Amino acid sequence: MAGSYEFTPKQKIILRILKDGERHHREELLEALTEDGNKKMRPKTLSVHLSSLRKLLRTVGQDIVCEYHARTYYYRQIRLIGD
């Protein structure tokens, strides 16, 4: 995916969760990215990881979308429709 780029461990965790194309609560991603014994990852840090991933995924016709529903954020991986 994305040429010869090697995803970071945190990017791999995000992709593993989102690959099913279903909506996933932001808290689910934050908990998955929090290493044992460490403080929970901040939402801003998650946003930085998602932004980097989105740039890479767009080069191969995919993206991560954010949906706001019932006062909470959800993310899912999608395939983009070509021109």
Protein backbone atom coordinates (compact mmCIF):
# COMPACT_ATOMS: atom_id res chain seq x y z
CA MET A 1 0.00 0.00 0.00
CA ALA A 2 1.17 3.56 -0.68
CA GLY A 3 4.23 2.51 -2.66
CA SER A 4 7.24 1.43 -0.63
CA TYR A 5 6.21 3.28 2.52
CA GLU A 6 6.42 1.29 5.76
CA PHE A 7 3.64 2.19 8.17
CA THR A 8 4.51 3.05 11.76
CA PRO A 9 3.32 0.69 14.51
CA LYS A 10 0.56 3.12 15.53
CA GLN A 11 -0.59 3.51 11.91
CA LYS A 12 -0.76 -0.27 11.62
CA ILE A 13 -2.99 -0.44 14.70
CA ILE A 14 -5.34 2.17 13.26
CA LEU A 15 -5.50 0.41 9.89
CA ARG A 16 -6.13 -2.97 11.54
CA ILE A 17 -9.16 -1.52 13.34
CA LEU A 18 -10.56 0.49 10.42
CA LYS A 19 -10.01 -2.05 7.62
CA ASP A 20 -13.51 -3.53 8.01
CA GLY A 21 -15.06 -0.31 6.66
CA GLU A 22 -17.34 -0.02 9.68
CA ARG A 23 -17.62 3.03 11.91
CA HIS A 24 -15.39 2.98 14.99
CA HIS A 25 -15.73 5.26 17.99
CA ARG A 26 -12.84 7.61 18.65
CA GLU A 27 -12.49 6.13 22.16
CA GLU A 28 -11.89 2.68 20.63
CA LEU A 29 -8.95 4.04 18.64
CA LEU A 30 -7.57 5.98 21.61
CA GLU A 31 -7.68 2.89 23.84
CA ALA A 32 -6.05 0.69 21.18
CA LEU A 33 -3.21 3.19 20.77
CA THR A 34 -2.56 3.54 24.49
CA GLU A 35 0.35 1.36 25.51
CA ASP A 36 0.05 -0.69 28.66
CA GLY A 37 0.73 1.33 31.78
CA ASN A 38 0.82 4.66 29.94
CA LYS A 39 -1.60 7.53 30.05
CA LYS A 40 -4.38 7.46 27.49
CA MET A 41 -3.47 9.03 24.16
CA ARG A 42 -4.84 12.54 23.68
CA PRO A 43 -7.41 13.17 20.91
CA LYS A 44 -5.08 15.73 19.28
CA THR A 45 -2.35 13.08 18.97
CA LEU A 46 -4.85 10.72 17.34
CA SER A 47 -5.76 13.50 14.88
CA VAL A 48 -2.08 13.85 13.90
CA HIS A 49 -1.80 10.10 13.26
CA LEU A 50 -5.01 10.12 11.21
CA SER A 51 -3.91 13.11 9.16
CA SER A 52 -0.65 11.38 8.19
CA LEU A 53 -2.47 8.18 7.35
CA ARG A 54 -5.07 9.97 5.24
CA LYS A 55 -2.33 11.53 3.09
CA LEU A 56 -0.80 8.12 2.45
CA LEU A 57 -4.11 6.36 1.80
CA ARG A 58 -5.25 8.97 -0.73
CA THR A 59 -2.32 8.03 -2.96
CA VAL A 60 -3.87 4.56 -3.34
CA GLY A 61 -7.52 5.62 -3.66
CA GLN A 62 -8.55 5.28 -0.02
CA ASP A 63 -9.25 7.64 2.84
CA ILE A 64 -10.37 7.81 6.46
CA VAL A 65 -13.53 9.78 7.12
CA CYS A 66 -14.71 11.29 10.36
CA GLU A 67 -18.42 11.22 11.16
CA TYR A 68 -20.02 13.20 13.96
CA HIS A 69 -23.17 11.59 15.33
CA ALA A 70 -24.98 11.89 18.67
CA ARG A 71 -22.28 14.20 20.05
CA THR A 72 -19.40 11.83 19.39
CA TYR A 73 -16.82 11.16 16.66
CA TYR A 74 -16.51 8.00 14.59
CA TYR A 75 -13.92 7.03 11.97
CA ARG A 76 -13.98 4.59 9.08
CA GLN A 77 -11.78 3.69 6.15
CA ILE A 78 -13.27 4.07 2.68
CA ARG A 79 -12.33 3.54 -0.95
CA LEU A 80 -12.56 6.59 -3.16
CA ILE A 81 -14.43 6.53 -6.46
CA GLY A 82 -12.14 7.37 -9.39
CA ASP A 83 -12.73 10.23 -11.79
